[in-house]
Each structure stands twice: as C-alpha cells, then as structure tokens.
PDB file of all heavy atoms in Angstrom:
ATOM      1  N   THR A   1      -9.484  14.656 -15.863  1.00  0.00           N
ATOM      2  CA  THR A   1     -10.635  14.995 -16.744  1.00  0.00           C
ATOM      3  C   THR A   1     -11.692  13.905 -16.674  1.00  0.00           C
ATOM      4  O   THR A   1     -12.904  14.278 -16.923  1.00  0.00           O
ATOM      5  CB  THR A   1     -10.170  15.202 -18.156  1.00  0.00           C
ATOM      6  OG1 THR A   1      -9.588  13.943 -18.670  1.00  0.00           O
ATOM      7  CG2 THR A   1      -9.053  16.237 -18.298  1.00  0.00           C
ATOM      8  N   LEU A   2     -11.372  12.829 -16.465  1.00  0.00           N
ATOM      9  CA  LEU A   2     -12.353  11.632 -16.417  1.00  0.00           C
ATOM     10  C   LEU A   2     -12.982  11.454 -15.049  1.00  0.00           C
ATOM     11  O   LEU A   2     -13.994  10.760 -14.982  1.00  0.00           O
ATOM     12  CB  LEU A   2     -11.679  10.347 -16.906  1.00  0.00           C
ATOM     13  CG  LEU A   2     -11.164  10.269 -18.363  1.00  0.00           C
ATOM     14  CD1 LEU A   2     -10.426   8.972 -18.591  1.00  0.00           C
ATOM     15  CD2 LEU A   2     -12.375  10.340 -19.325  1.00  0.00           C
ATOM     16  N   LEU A   3     -12.347  11.987 -14.041  1.00  0.00           N
ATOM     17  CA  LEU A   3     -12.816  11.721 -12.667  1.00  0.00           C
ATOM     18  C   LEU A   3     -14.219  12.367 -12.420  1.00  0.00           C
ATOM     19  O   LEU A   3     -14.448  13.402 -12.809  1.00  0.00           O
ATOM     20  CB  LEU A   3     -11.875  12.232 -11.682  1.00  0.00           C
ATOM     21  CG  LEU A   3     -11.603  11.625 -10.395  1.00  0.00           C
ATOM     22  CD1 LEU A   3     -11.027  10.287 -10.487  1.00  0.00           C
ATOM     23  CD2 LEU A   3     -10.612  12.471  -9.470  1.00  0.00           C
ATOM     24  N   PRO A   4     -15.128  11.564 -11.815  1.00  0.00           N
ATOM     25  CA  PRO A   4     -16.396  12.168 -11.572  1.00  0.00           C
ATOM     26  C   PRO A   4     -16.489  13.052 -10.449  1.00  0.00           C
ATOM     27  O   PRO A   4     -15.637  13.042  -9.540  1.00  0.00           O
ATOM     28  CB  PRO A   4     -17.327  10.836 -11.234  1.00  0.00           C
ATOM     29  CG  PRO A   4     -16.312   9.884 -10.714  1.00  0.00           C
ATOM     30  CD  PRO A   4     -15.018  10.090 -11.440  1.00  0.00           C
ATOM     31  N   GLU A   5     -17.533  13.932 -10.354  1.00  0.00           N
ATOM     32  CA  GLU A   5     -17.723  14.781  -9.280  1.00  0.00           C
ATOM     33  C   GLU A   5     -18.085  14.064  -8.026  1.00  0.00           C
ATOM     34  O   GLU A   5     -18.937  13.080  -8.187  1.00  0.00           O
ATOM     35  CB  GLU A   5     -18.645  15.949  -9.582  1.00  0.00           C
ATOM     36  CG  GLU A   5     -18.119  16.908 -10.599  1.00  0.00           C
ATOM     37  CD  GLU A   5     -18.970  18.139 -10.747  1.00  0.00           C
ATOM     38  OE1 GLU A   5     -19.970  18.258  -9.968  1.00  0.00           O
ATOM     39  OE2 GLU A   5     -18.758  18.960 -11.597  1.00  0.00           O
ATOM     40  N   GLY A   6     -17.596  14.473  -6.812  1.00  0.00           N
ATOM     41  CA  GLY A   6     -18.029  13.713  -5.634  1.00  0.00           C
ATOM     42  C   GLY A   6     -17.108  14.170  -4.491  1.00  0.00           C
ATOM     43  O   GLY A   6     -16.092  14.882  -4.638  1.00  0.00           O
ATOM     44  N   GLU A   7     -17.546  13.939  -3.250  1.00  0.00           N
ATOM     45  CA  GLU A   7     -16.884  14.227  -2.078  1.00  0.00           C
ATOM     46  C   GLU A   7     -15.661  13.238  -1.912  1.00  0.00           C
ATOM     47  O   GLU A   7     -15.679  12.117  -2.416  1.00  0.00           O
ATOM     48  CB  GLU A   7     -17.761  14.046  -0.811  1.00  0.00           C
ATOM     49  CG  GLU A   7     -18.928  15.132  -0.841  1.00  0.00           C
ATOM     50  CD  GLU A   7     -18.366  16.637  -0.931  1.00  0.00           C
ATOM     51  OE1 GLU A   7     -17.490  16.866  -0.073  1.00  0.00           O
ATOM     52  OE2 GLU A   7     -19.011  17.409  -1.591  1.00  0.00           O
ATOM     53  N   ALA A   8     -14.715  13.658  -1.114  1.00  0.00           N
ATOM     54  CA  ALA A   8     -13.574  12.782  -0.806  1.00  0.00           C
ATOM     55  C   ALA A   8     -14.007  11.517  -0.068  1.00  0.00           C
ATOM     56  O   ALA A   8     -14.872  11.610   0.849  1.00  0.00           O
ATOM     57  CB  ALA A   8     -12.514  13.534   0.010  1.00  0.00           C
ATOM     58  N   TYR A   9     -13.423  10.380  -0.362  1.00  0.00           N
ATOM     59  CA  TYR A   9     -13.749   9.117   0.220  1.00  0.00           C
ATOM     60  C   TYR A   9     -13.023   8.976   1.547  1.00  0.00           C
ATOM     61  O   TYR A   9     -13.380   8.296   2.462  1.00  0.00           O
ATOM     62  CB  TYR A   9     -13.449   7.926  -0.694  1.00  0.00           C
ATOM     63  CG  TYR A   9     -14.389   7.886  -1.859  1.00  0.00           C
ATOM     64  CD1 TYR A   9     -14.097   8.388  -3.061  1.00  0.00           C
ATOM     65  CD2 TYR A   9     -15.597   7.220  -1.685  1.00  0.00           C
ATOM     66  CE1 TYR A   9     -15.002   8.250  -4.069  1.00  0.00           C
ATOM     67  CE2 TYR A   9     -16.479   6.999  -2.757  1.00  0.00           C
ATOM     68  CZ  TYR A   9     -16.201   7.576  -3.939  1.00  0.00           C
ATOM     69  OH  TYR A   9     -17.042   7.498  -5.013  1.00  0.00           O
ATOM     70  N   TYR A  10     -11.791   9.539   1.593  1.00  0.00           N
ATOM     71  CA  TYR A  10     -10.865   9.454   2.791  1.00  0.00           C
ATOM     72  C   TYR A  10     -10.466  10.840   3.239  1.00  0.00           C
ATOM     73  O   TYR A  10     -10.385  11.806   2.460  1.00  0.00           O
ATOM     74  CB  TYR A  10      -9.736   8.682   2.431  1.00  0.00           C
ATOM     75  CG  TYR A  10      -9.983   7.160   2.038  1.00  0.00           C
ATOM     76  CD1 TYR A  10     -10.270   6.847   0.753  1.00  0.00           C
ATOM     77  CD2 TYR A  10     -10.055   6.152   2.952  1.00  0.00           C
ATOM     78  CE1 TYR A  10     -10.566   5.531   0.299  1.00  0.00           C
ATOM     79  CE2 TYR A  10     -10.360   4.850   2.627  1.00  0.00           C
ATOM     80  CZ  TYR A  10     -10.676   4.546   1.259  1.00  0.00           C
ATOM     81  OH  TYR A  10     -10.940   3.223   0.896  1.00  0.00           O
ATOM     82  N   PRO A  11     -10.026  10.942   4.500  1.00  0.00           N
ATOM     83  CA  PRO A  11      -9.488  12.226   5.009  1.00  0.00           C
ATOM     84  C   PRO A  11      -8.318  12.716   4.031  1.00  0.00           C
ATOM     85  O   PRO A  11      -7.506  11.811   3.597  1.00  0.00           O
ATOM     86  CB  PRO A  11      -8.972  11.934   6.367  1.00  0.00           C
ATOM     87  CG  PRO A  11      -9.855  10.817   6.831  1.00  0.00           C
ATOM     88  CD  PRO A  11     -10.131   9.950   5.583  1.00  0.00           C
ATOM     89  N   LYS A  12      -8.204  14.011   3.859  1.00  0.00           N
ATOM     90  CA  LYS A  12      -7.164  14.500   2.851  1.00  0.00           C
ATOM     91  C   LYS A  12      -5.793  14.325   3.398  1.00  0.00           C
ATOM     92  O   LYS A  12      -4.865  14.465   2.593  1.00  0.00           O
ATOM     93  CB  LYS A  12      -7.485  15.998   2.626  1.00  0.00           C
ATOM     94  CG  LYS A  12      -8.724  16.205   1.644  1.00  0.00           C
ATOM     95  CD  LYS A  12      -8.511  15.704   0.272  1.00  0.00           C
ATOM     96  CE  LYS A  12      -9.617  16.115  -0.664  1.00  0.00           C
ATOM     97  NZ  LYS A  12      -9.447  17.403  -1.260  1.00  0.00           N
ATOM     98  N   ASP A  13      -5.610  14.085   4.623  1.00  0.00           N
ATOM     99  CA  ASP A  13      -4.194  13.925   5.141  1.00  0.00           C
ATOM    100  C   ASP A  13      -3.776  12.467   5.159  1.00  0.00           C
ATOM    101  O   ASP A  13      -2.645  12.148   5.566  1.00  0.00           O
ATOM    102  CB  ASP A  13      -4.071  14.503   6.552  1.00  0.00           C
ATOM    103  CG  ASP A  13      -5.044  13.868   7.582  1.00  0.00           C
ATOM    104  OD1 ASP A  13      -5.880  13.145   7.181  1.00  0.00           O
ATOM    105  OD2 ASP A  13      -4.842  14.074   8.794  1.00  0.00           O
ATOM    106  N   GLU A  14      -4.568  11.537   4.681  1.00  0.00           N
ATOM    107  CA  GLU A  14      -4.172  10.125   4.549  1.00  0.00           C
ATOM    108  C   GLU A  14      -3.508   9.810   3.224  1.00  0.00           C
ATOM    109  O   GLU A  14      -3.795  10.458   2.260  1.00  0.00           O
ATOM    110  CB  GLU A  14      -5.418   9.221   4.778  1.00  0.00           C
ATOM    111  CG  GLU A  14      -5.966   9.248   6.226  1.00  0.00           C
ATOM    112  CD  GLU A  14      -6.983   8.197   6.405  1.00  0.00           C
ATOM    113  OE1 GLU A  14      -7.261   7.389   5.529  1.00  0.00           O
ATOM    114  OE2 GLU A  14      -7.604   8.228   7.542  1.00  0.00           O
ATOM    115  N   LEU A  15      -2.625   8.809   3.275  1.00  0.00           N
ATOM    116  CA  LEU A  15      -1.899   8.415   2.046  1.00  0.00           C
ATOM    117  C   LEU A  15      -2.387   6.985   1.571  1.00  0.00           C
ATOM    118  O   LEU A  15      -2.323   6.762   0.329  1.00  0.00           O
ATOM    119  CB  LEU A  15      -0.403   8.345   2.403  1.00  0.00           C
ATOM    120  CG  LEU A  15       0.480   7.859   1.234  1.00  0.00           C
ATOM    121  CD1 LEU A  15       0.484   8.846   0.120  1.00  0.00           C
ATOM    122  CD2 LEU A  15       1.964   7.733   1.767  1.00  0.00           C
ATOM    123  N   THR A  16      -2.945   6.215   2.442  1.00  0.00           N
ATOM    124  CA  THR A  16      -3.284   4.822   2.126  1.00  0.00           C
ATOM    125  C   THR A  16      -4.265   4.287   3.056  1.00  0.00           C
ATOM    126  O   THR A  16      -4.474   4.903   4.199  1.00  0.00           O
ATOM    127  CB  THR A  16      -2.087   3.949   2.036  1.00  0.00           C
ATOM    128  OG1 THR A  16      -2.486   2.617   1.597  1.00  0.00           O
ATOM    129  CG2 THR A  16      -1.397   3.788   3.361  1.00  0.00           C
ATOM    130  N   ASP A  17      -4.943   3.253   2.704  1.00  0.00           N
ATOM    131  CA  ASP A  17      -5.932   2.563   3.643  1.00  0.00           C
ATOM    132  C   ASP A  17      -5.177   1.543   4.495  1.00  0.00           C
ATOM    133  O   ASP A  17      -5.831   0.960   5.439  1.00  0.00           O
ATOM    134  CB  ASP A  17      -7.021   1.996   2.789  1.00  0.00           C
ATOM    135  CG  ASP A  17      -6.559   0.813   1.971  1.00  0.00           C
ATOM    136  OD1 ASP A  17      -5.462   0.868   1.432  1.00  0.00           O
ATOM    137  OD2 ASP A  17      -7.276  -0.175   1.852  1.00  0.00           O
ATOM    138  N   LYS A  18      -3.866   1.141   4.240  1.00  0.00           N
ATOM    139  CA  LYS A  18      -3.255   0.083   4.959  1.00  0.00           C
ATOM    140  C   LYS A  18      -2.604   0.587   6.249  1.00  0.00           C
ATOM    141  O   LYS A  18      -2.243   1.755   6.359  1.00  0.00           O
ATOM    142  CB  LYS A  18      -2.220  -0.552   3.996  1.00  0.00           C
ATOM    143  CG  LYS A  18      -2.791  -1.192   2.765  1.00  0.00           C
ATOM    144  CD  LYS A  18      -3.725  -2.284   3.075  1.00  0.00           C
ATOM    145  CE  LYS A  18      -4.183  -2.991   1.815  1.00  0.00           C
ATOM    146  NZ  LYS A  18      -5.209  -4.016   2.133  1.00  0.00           N
ATOM    147  N   SER A  19      -2.426  -0.418   7.094  1.00  0.00           N
ATOM    148  CA  SER A  19      -1.868  -0.105   8.473  1.00  0.00           C
ATOM    149  C   SER A  19      -0.329  -0.027   8.428  1.00  0.00           C
ATOM    150  O   SER A  19       0.246  -0.622   7.411  1.00  0.00           O
ATOM    151  CB  SER A  19      -2.333  -1.139   9.455  1.00  0.00           C
ATOM    152  OG  SER A  19      -1.771  -2.393   9.142  1.00  0.00           O
ATOM    153  N   GLU A  20       0.290   0.407   9.411  1.00  0.00           N
ATOM    154  CA  GLU A  20       1.727   0.364   9.671  1.00  0.00           C
ATOM    155  C   GLU A  20       2.206  -0.991   9.536  1.00  0.00           C
ATOM    156  O   GLU A  20       3.273  -1.324   8.928  1.00  0.00           O
ATOM    157  CB  GLU A  20       2.152   1.132  10.883  1.00  0.00           C
ATOM    158  CG  GLU A  20       1.786   2.609  10.886  1.00  0.00           C
ATOM    159  CD  GLU A  20       2.006   3.219  12.254  1.00  0.00           C
ATOM    160  OE1 GLU A  20       1.741   2.483  13.310  1.00  0.00           O
ATOM    161  OE2 GLU A  20       2.460   4.424  12.306  1.00  0.00           O
ATOM    162  N   ARG A  21       1.566  -1.975  10.239  1.00  0.00           N
ATOM    163  CA  ARG A  21       1.911  -3.360  10.296  1.00  0.00           C
ATOM    164  C   ARG A  21       1.905  -3.946   8.884  1.00  0.00           C
ATOM    165  O   ARG A  21       2.835  -4.780   8.602  1.00  0.00           O
ATOM    166  CB  ARG A  21       1.007  -4.156  11.176  1.00  0.00           C
ATOM    167  CG  ARG A  21       1.134  -3.752  12.666  1.00  0.00           C
ATOM    168  CD  ARG A  21       0.238  -4.689  13.523  1.00  0.00           C
ATOM    169  NE  ARG A  21       0.390  -4.316  14.959  1.00  0.00           N
ATOM    170  CZ  ARG A  21       0.444  -5.161  15.949  1.00  0.00           C
ATOM    171  NH1 ARG A  21       0.406  -6.544  15.667  1.00  0.00           N
ATOM    172  NH2 ARG A  21       0.472  -4.801  17.209  1.00  0.00           N
ATOM    173  N   PHE A  22       1.017  -3.608   8.026  1.00  0.00           N
ATOM    174  CA  PHE A  22       0.966  -4.080   6.660  1.00  0.00           C
ATOM    175  C   PHE A  22       2.131  -3.761   5.952  1.00  0.00           C
ATOM    176  O   PHE A  22       2.823  -4.610   5.238  1.00  0.00           O
ATOM    177  CB  PHE A  22      -0.288  -3.617   5.921  1.00  0.00           C
ATOM    178  CG  PHE A  22      -0.286  -3.969   4.449  1.00  0.00           C
ATOM    179  CD1 PHE A  22      -0.791  -5.222   4.115  1.00  0.00           C
ATOM    180  CD2 PHE A  22       0.147  -3.062   3.524  1.00  0.00           C
ATOM    181  CE1 PHE A  22      -0.845  -5.543   2.825  1.00  0.00           C
ATOM    182  CE2 PHE A  22       0.121  -3.401   2.193  1.00  0.00           C
ATOM    183  CZ  PHE A  22      -0.391  -4.664   1.802  1.00  0.00           C
ATOM    184  N   PHE A  23       2.661  -2.513   6.009  1.00  0.00           N
ATOM    185  CA  PHE A  23       3.802  -2.050   5.306  1.00  0.00           C
ATOM    186  C   PHE A  23       5.107  -2.685   5.807  1.00  0.00           C
ATOM    187  O   PHE A  23       5.990  -3.017   5.066  1.00  0.00           O
ATOM    188  CB  PHE A  23       3.916  -0.545   5.217  1.00  0.00           C
ATOM    189  CG  PHE A  23       2.888   0.144   4.322  1.00  0.00           C
ATOM    190  CD1 PHE A  23       1.728   0.696   4.904  1.00  0.00           C
ATOM    191  CD2 PHE A  23       2.885   0.011   2.968  1.00  0.00           C
ATOM    192  CE1 PHE A  23       0.824   1.277   4.106  1.00  0.00           C
ATOM    193  CE2 PHE A  23       2.001   0.493   2.152  1.00  0.00           C
ATOM    194  CZ  PHE A  23       0.885   1.137   2.726  1.00  0.00           C
ATOM    195  N   VAL A  24       5.173  -2.896   7.100  1.00  0.00           N
ATOM    196  CA  VAL A  24       6.258  -3.703   7.651  1.00  0.00           C
ATOM    197  C   VAL A  24       6.279  -5.088   7.066  1.00  0.00           C
ATOM    198  O   VAL A  24       7.398  -5.570   6.658  1.00  0.00           O
ATOM    199  CB  VAL A  24       6.234  -3.696   9.187  1.00  0.00           C
ATOM    200  CG1 VAL A  24       7.238  -4.775   9.795  1.00  0.00           C
ATOM    201  CG2 VAL A  24       6.389  -2.390   9.854  1.00  0.00           C
ATOM    202  N   SER A  25       5.184  -5.787   7.059  1.00  0.00           N
ATOM    203  CA  SER A  25       5.170  -7.107   6.480  1.00  0.00           C
ATOM    204  C   SER A  25       5.526  -7.171   5.017  1.00  0.00           C
ATOM    205  O   SER A  25       6.216  -8.110   4.572  1.00  0.00           O
ATOM    206  CB  SER A  25       3.794  -7.763   6.731  1.00  0.00           C
ATOM    207  OG  SER A  25       2.789  -7.084   6.011  1.00  0.00           O
ATOM    208  N   GLU A  26       5.107  -6.209   4.279  1.00  0.00           N
ATOM    209  CA  GLU A  26       5.418  -6.119   2.873  1.00  0.00           C
ATOM    210  C   GLU A  26       6.899  -5.801   2.600  1.00  0.00           C
ATOM    211  O   GLU A  26       7.549  -6.397   1.706  1.00  0.00           O
ATOM    212  CB  GLU A  26       4.535  -4.979   2.159  1.00  0.00           C
ATOM    213  CG  GLU A  26       3.072  -5.402   1.962  1.00  0.00           C
ATOM    214  CD  GLU A  26       2.958  -6.471   0.896  1.00  0.00           C
ATOM    215  OE1 GLU A  26       2.852  -6.193  -0.281  1.00  0.00           O
ATOM    216  OE2 GLU A  26       2.979  -7.728   1.337  1.00  0.00           O
ATOM    217  N   ILE A  27       7.524  -4.999   3.395  1.00  0.00           N
ATOM    218  CA  ILE A  27       8.908  -4.747   3.279  1.00  0.00           C
ATOM    219  C   ILE A  27       9.748  -6.030   3.612  1.00  0.00           C
ATOM    220  O   ILE A  27      10.694  -6.321   2.793  1.00  0.00           O
ATOM    221  CB  ILE A  27       9.416  -3.589   4.280  1.00  0.00           C
ATOM    222  CG1 ILE A  27       8.793  -2.301   3.803  1.00  0.00           C
ATOM    223  CG2 ILE A  27      10.947  -3.522   4.390  1.00  0.00           C
ATOM    224  CD1 ILE A  27       9.017  -1.124   4.743  1.00  0.00           C
ATOM    225  N   ILE A  28       9.384  -6.724   4.606  1.00  0.00           N
ATOM    226  CA  ILE A  28      10.049  -7.970   4.938  1.00  0.00           C
ATOM    227  C   ILE A  28       9.887  -9.012   3.776  1.00  0.00           C
ATOM    228  O   ILE A  28      10.772  -9.641   3.312  1.00  0.00           O
ATOM    229  CB  ILE A  28       9.539  -8.584   6.277  1.00  0.00           C
ATOM    230  CG1 ILE A  28       9.859  -7.641   7.404  1.00  0.00           C
ATOM    231  CG2 ILE A  28      10.128 -10.064   6.556  1.00  0.00           C
ATOM    232  CD1 ILE A  28       9.115  -8.020   8.710  1.00  0.00           C
ATOM    233  N   ARG A  29       8.676  -9.165   3.219  1.00  0.00           N
ATOM    234  CA  ARG A  29       8.387 -10.067   2.120  1.00  0.00           C
ATOM    235  C   ARG A  29       9.177  -9.689   0.934  1.00  0.00           C
ATOM    236  O   ARG A  29       9.600 -10.531   0.130  1.00  0.00           O
ATOM    237  CB  ARG A  29       6.882 -10.163   1.854  1.00  0.00           C
ATOM    238  CG  ARG A  29       6.427 -11.248   0.922  1.00  0.00           C
ATOM    239  CD  ARG A  29       4.952 -11.457   0.889  1.00  0.00           C
ATOM    240  NE  ARG A  29       4.288 -10.231   0.307  1.00  0.00           N
ATOM    241  CZ  ARG A  29       4.113 -10.099  -0.953  1.00  0.00           C
ATOM    242  NH1 ARG A  29       4.533 -11.090  -1.772  1.00  0.00           N
ATOM    243  NH2 ARG A  29       3.504  -8.958  -1.465  1.00  0.00           N
ATOM    244  N   GLU A  30       9.264  -8.353   0.662  1.00  0.00           N
ATOM    245  CA  GLU A  30      10.061  -7.885  -0.487  1.00  0.00           C
ATOM    246  C   GLU A  30      11.526  -8.393  -0.346  1.00  0.00           C
ATOM    247  O   GLU A  30      12.132  -8.902  -1.365  1.00  0.00           O
ATOM    248  CB  GLU A  30      10.087  -6.408  -0.603  1.00  0.00           C
ATOM    249  CG  GLU A  30      10.901  -5.813  -1.689  1.00  0.00           C
ATOM    250  CD  GLU A  30      10.990  -4.294  -1.611  1.00  0.00           C
ATOM    251  OE1 GLU A  30      11.409  -3.789  -0.563  1.00  0.00           O
ATOM    252  OE2 GLU A  30      10.711  -3.692  -2.577  1.00  0.00           O
ATOM    253  N   LYS A  31      12.140  -8.293   0.853  1.00  0.00           N
ATOM    254  CA  LYS A  31      13.450  -8.814   0.949  1.00  0.00           C
ATOM    255  C   LYS A  31      13.625 -10.299   0.779  1.00  0.00           C
ATOM    256  O   LYS A  31      14.593 -10.812   0.208  1.00  0.00           O
ATOM    257  CB  LYS A  31      14.007  -8.415   2.328  1.00  0.00           C
ATOM    258  CG  LYS A  31      13.949  -6.865   2.613  1.00  0.00           C
ATOM    259  CD  LYS A  31      14.542  -6.053   1.459  1.00  0.00           C
ATOM    260  CE  LYS A  31      14.275  -4.580   1.704  1.00  0.00           C
ATOM    261  NZ  LYS A  31      14.549  -3.793   0.424  1.00  0.00           N
ATOM    262  N   ILE A  32      12.573 -11.017   1.160  1.00  0.00           N
ATOM    263  CA  ILE A  32      12.575 -12.466   0.923  1.00  0.00           C
ATOM    264  C   ILE A  32      12.461 -12.801  -0.582  1.00  0.00           C
ATOM    265  O   ILE A  32      13.212 -13.665  -1.073  1.00  0.00           O
ATOM    266  CB  ILE A  32      11.423 -13.138   1.760  1.00  0.00           C
ATOM    267  CG1 ILE A  32      11.726 -13.042   3.207  1.00  0.00           C
ATOM    268  CG2 ILE A  32      11.244 -14.593   1.323  1.00  0.00           C
ATOM    269  CD1 ILE A  32      10.624 -13.485   4.153  1.00  0.00           C
ATOM    270  N   LEU A  33      11.670 -12.060  -1.267  1.00  0.00           N
ATOM    271  CA  LEU A  33      11.579 -12.226  -2.725  1.00  0.00           C
ATOM    272  C   LEU A  33      12.860 -11.979  -3.444  1.00  0.00           C
ATOM    273  O   LEU A  33      13.250 -12.639  -4.388  1.00  0.00           O
ATOM    274  CB  LEU A  33      10.503 -11.301  -3.307  1.00  0.00           C
ATOM    275  CG  LEU A  33       9.033 -11.782  -3.151  1.00  0.00           C
ATOM    276  CD1 LEU A  33       8.040 -10.578  -3.306  1.00  0.00           C
ATOM    277  CD2 LEU A  33       8.768 -12.825  -4.101  1.00  0.00           C
ATOM    278  N   LEU A  34      13.621 -10.991  -2.890  1.00  0.00           N
ATOM    279  CA  LEU A  34      14.866 -10.592  -3.543  1.00  0.00           C
ATOM    280  C   LEU A  34      16.044 -11.565  -3.107  1.00  0.00           C
ATOM    281  O   LEU A  34      17.069 -11.659  -3.915  1.00  0.00           O
ATOM    282  CB  LEU A  34      15.296  -9.201  -3.093  1.00  0.00           C
ATOM    283  CG  LEU A  34      14.361  -8.095  -3.689  1.00  0.00           C
ATOM    284  CD1 LEU A  34      14.685  -6.728  -3.065  1.00  0.00           C
ATOM    285  CD2 LEU A  34      14.393  -7.922  -5.220  1.00  0.00           C
ATOM    286  N   ASN A  35      15.978 -12.239  -1.984  1.00  0.00           N
ATOM    287  CA  ASN A  35      17.058 -13.034  -1.521  1.00  0.00           C
ATOM    288  C   ASN A  35      16.985 -14.461  -1.759  1.00  0.00           C
ATOM    289  O   ASN A  35      17.965 -15.204  -1.542  1.00  0.00           O
ATOM    290  CB  ASN A  35      17.331 -12.703   0.039  1.00  0.00           C
ATOM    291  CG  ASN A  35      18.055 -11.439   0.288  1.00  0.00           C
ATOM    292  OD1 ASN A  35      19.235 -11.326   0.181  1.00  0.00           O
ATOM    293  ND2 ASN A  35      17.302 -10.383   0.515  1.00  0.00           N
ATOM    294  N   TYR A  36      15.741 -14.968  -2.043  1.00  0.00           N
ATOM    295  CA  TYR A  36      15.535 -16.421  -2.216  1.00  0.00           C
ATOM    296  C   TYR A  36      15.061 -16.716  -3.654  1.00  0.00           C
ATOM    297  O   TYR A  36      14.544 -15.903  -4.252  1.00  0.00           O
ATOM    298  CB  TYR A  36      14.603 -17.034  -1.119  1.00  0.00           C
ATOM    299  CG  TYR A  36      15.125 -16.825   0.280  1.00  0.00           C
ATOM    300  CD1 TYR A  36      14.788 -15.558   0.934  1.00  0.00           C
ATOM    301  CD2 TYR A  36      15.891 -17.708   0.922  1.00  0.00           C
ATOM    302  CE1 TYR A  36      15.247 -15.366   2.206  1.00  0.00           C
ATOM    303  CE2 TYR A  36      16.364 -17.556   2.197  1.00  0.00           C
ATOM    304  CZ  TYR A  36      15.983 -16.319   2.925  1.00  0.00           C
ATOM    305  OH  TYR A  36      16.491 -16.101   4.157  1.00  0.00           O
ATOM    306  N   HIS A  37      15.139 -17.972  -4.045  1.00  0.00           N
ATOM    307  CA  HIS A  37      14.815 -18.391  -5.324  1.00  0.00           C
ATOM    308  C   HIS A  37      13.772 -19.497  -5.438  1.00  0.00           C
ATOM    309  O   HIS A  37      13.335 -20.057  -4.444  1.00  0.00           O
ATOM    310  CB  HIS A  37      16.104 -18.777  -6.128  1.00  0.00           C
ATOM    311  CG  HIS A  37      17.194 -17.727  -6.033  1.00  0.00           C
ATOM    312  ND1 HIS A  37      17.124 -16.564  -6.681  1.00  0.00           N
ATOM    313  CD2 HIS A  37      18.323 -17.765  -5.339  1.00  0.00           C
ATOM    314  CE1 HIS A  37      18.158 -15.823  -6.493  1.00  0.00           C
ATOM    315  NE2 HIS A  37      19.009 -16.475  -5.673  1.00  0.00           N
ATOM    316  N   GLN A  38      13.428 -19.845  -6.618  1.00  0.00           N
ATOM    317  CA  GLN A  38      12.484 -20.883  -6.990  1.00  0.00           C
ATOM    318  C   GLN A  38      11.146 -20.646  -6.236  1.00  0.00           C
ATOM    319  O   GLN A  38      10.627 -19.527  -6.189  1.00  0.00           O
ATOM    320  CB  GLN A  38      13.107 -22.199  -6.641  1.00  0.00           C
ATOM    321  CG  GLN A  38      14.349 -22.533  -7.509  1.00  0.00           C
ATOM    322  CD  GLN A  38      14.986 -23.864  -7.178  1.00  0.00           C
ATOM    323  OE1 GLN A  38      14.795 -24.405  -6.164  1.00  0.00           O
ATOM    324  NE2 GLN A  38      15.779 -24.354  -8.182  1.00  0.00           N
ATOM    325  N   GLU A  39      10.614 -21.681  -5.572  1.00  0.00           N
ATOM    326  CA  GLU A  39       9.259 -21.591  -4.950  1.00  0.00           C
ATOM    327  C   GLU A  39       9.257 -20.980  -3.572  1.00  0.00           C
ATOM    328  O   GLU A  39       8.227 -20.526  -3.142  1.00  0.00           O
ATOM    329  CB  GLU A  39       8.627 -22.963  -4.925  1.00  0.00           C
ATOM    330  CG  GLU A  39       7.185 -23.065  -4.512  1.00  0.00           C
ATOM    331  CD  GLU A  39       6.219 -22.396  -5.440  1.00  0.00           C
ATOM    332  OE1 GLU A  39       6.667 -22.074  -6.612  1.00  0.00           O
ATOM    333  OE2 GLU A  39       5.035 -22.216  -5.035  1.00  0.00           O
TER     334      GLU A  39
END
C-alpha cells in the first residue's frame, strides 16, 4: 500500500543483485562464525 508507482528496477526473473561468488563467500563466512569464538 505504501509502495510508489514506477517501473521495475530489475528484471522480474532476478532474485538479488549479488553474484554467485558472493553467496559462496557468505556461506563459508557463516560457517566460520558458527565454528569459532571470540575475535
């Protein structure tokens, strides 16, 4: 209801602006966050 009128900013078949490599790096970093402690 609050969204303004306008054309789509991205192709309708896309899910995100990030690359495949970005999500790979984030998955690896998530596992490090879960397996290690302190700093």
